[in-house]
Amino acid sequence: MDSKLSENIKKGFKEIKAPESLYDFANQVPDIVESMNLESPSNYQYNRRTKKTIFATISALACSALFIFGVNQSISFANYVDKYRFFLNCQNS
């Protein structure tokens, strides 16, 4: 059954008439791709990693700023944070 199906598909594709311009375009595609200045995959991964690093850094700075703002502005948050030993050590230095 699979062989009959594949034969019918092949016959169907042979009967389809494609315009000559499509064949011309297909022949030109390799030249077009070569003329394009595409980035190598290693550069793409490097740029992606750099963007992730920058995003992580900015996120960490934003969280730190919110934490410091919360400690300075909210008395209850400052009292809550005061219970933890790590923050006491940071405060004393």
Protein backbone atom coordinates (compact mmCIF):
# COMPACT_ATOMS: atom_id res chain seq x y z
CA MET A 1 0.00 0.00 0.00
CA ASP A 2 2.84 2.41 0.85
CA SER A 3 4.55 1.74 -2.48
CA LYS A 4 1.34 2.46 -4.42
CA LEU A 5 0.84 5.66 -2.49
CA SER A 6 4.41 6.83 -3.12
CA GLU A 7 4.11 5.94 -6.83
CA ASN A 8 0.87 7.92 -7.10
CA ILE A 9 2.47 10.89 -5.38
CA LYS A 10 5.49 10.77 -7.71
CA LYS A 11 3.20 10.59 -10.77
CA GLY A 12 1.17 13.50 -9.44
CA PHE A 13 4.29 15.62 -9.00
CA LYS A 14 5.45 14.82 -12.54
CA GLU A 15 2.11 16.00 -13.94
CA ILE A 16 2.32 19.39 -12.19
CA LYS A 17 3.72 21.98 -14.56
CA ALA A 18 5.85 24.65 -12.95
CA PRO A 19 6.61 27.92 -14.71
CA GLU A 20 10.10 28.36 -16.09
CA SER A 21 10.66 31.38 -13.84
CA LEU A 22 10.37 29.10 -10.80
CA TYR A 23 13.20 26.92 -12.12
CA ASP A 24 15.27 30.04 -12.82
CA PHE A 25 14.70 31.27 -9.28
CA ALA A 26 15.63 27.87 -7.83
CA ASN A 27 18.91 28.02 -9.75
CA GLN A 28 19.62 31.54 -8.44
CA VAL A 29 18.98 30.76 -4.77
CA PRO A 30 22.52 29.49 -3.96
CA ASP A 31 24.05 32.66 -5.42
CA ILE A 32 21.61 34.85 -3.50
CA VAL A 33 22.41 33.11 -0.22
CA GLU A 34 26.14 33.39 -0.81
CA SER A 35 25.86 37.10 -1.54
CA MET A 36 24.02 37.70 1.74
CA ASN A 37 26.19 38.53 4.73
CA LEU A 38 24.78 36.09 7.24
CA GLU A 39 26.15 35.87 10.75
CA SER A 40 27.80 32.63 11.64
CA PRO A 41 25.97 30.57 14.28
CA SER A 42 28.77 31.16 16.79
CA ASN A 43 28.29 34.94 16.55
CA TYR A 44 24.55 34.49 16.97
CA GLN A 45 25.02 32.41 20.11
CA TYR A 46 27.52 34.91 21.47
CA ASN A 47 25.12 37.80 20.91
CA ARG A 48 22.29 35.81 22.48
CA ARG A 49 24.43 35.00 25.52
CA THR A 50 25.45 38.65 25.85
CA LYS A 51 21.81 39.76 25.74
CA LYS A 52 20.90 37.20 28.41
CA THR A 53 23.78 38.39 30.60
CA ILE A 54 22.74 42.02 30.26
CA PHE A 55 19.11 41.14 31.03
CA ALA A 56 20.13 39.11 34.11
CA THR A 57 22.34 41.94 35.35
CA ILE A 58 19.62 44.54 34.93
CA SER A 59 17.09 42.26 36.64
CA ALA A 60 19.43 41.70 39.60
CA LEU A 61 20.05 45.43 39.94
CA ALA A 62 16.31 46.14 39.83
CA CYS A 63 15.63 43.54 42.53
CA SER A 64 18.40 44.97 44.69
CA ALA A 65 17.09 48.50 44.25
CA LEU A 66 13.57 47.39 45.19
CA PHE A 67 14.89 45.59 48.25
CA ILE A 68 16.88 48.61 49.43
CA PHE A 69 13.94 50.90 48.75
CA GLY A 70 11.64 48.55 50.69
CA VAL A 71 13.97 48.45 53.70
CA ASN A 72 14.35 52.22 53.74
CA GLN A 73 10.69 53.07 53.24
CA SER A 74 8.78 50.38 55.12
CA ILE A 75 9.31 49.99 58.84
CA SER A 76 7.58 46.62 58.95
CA PHE A 77 9.71 45.28 56.07
CA ALA A 78 12.86 46.56 57.80
CA ASN A 79 11.84 44.81 61.02
CA TYR A 80 11.16 41.60 59.09
CA VAL A 81 14.55 41.71 57.40
CA ASP A 82 16.24 42.55 60.70
CA LYS A 83 15.49 39.01 61.94
CA TYR A 84 17.92 37.42 59.47
CA ARG A 85 21.57 37.17 60.41
CA PHE A 86 22.96 37.85 56.93
CA PHE A 87 21.37 41.28 56.73
CA LEU A 88 22.63 42.15 60.21
CA ASN A 89 26.19 41.40 59.12
CA CYS A 90 25.79 43.56 56.03
CA GLN A 91 24.42 46.40 58.12
CA ASN A 92 27.36 46.42 60.52
CA SER A 93 30.05 46.66 57.86
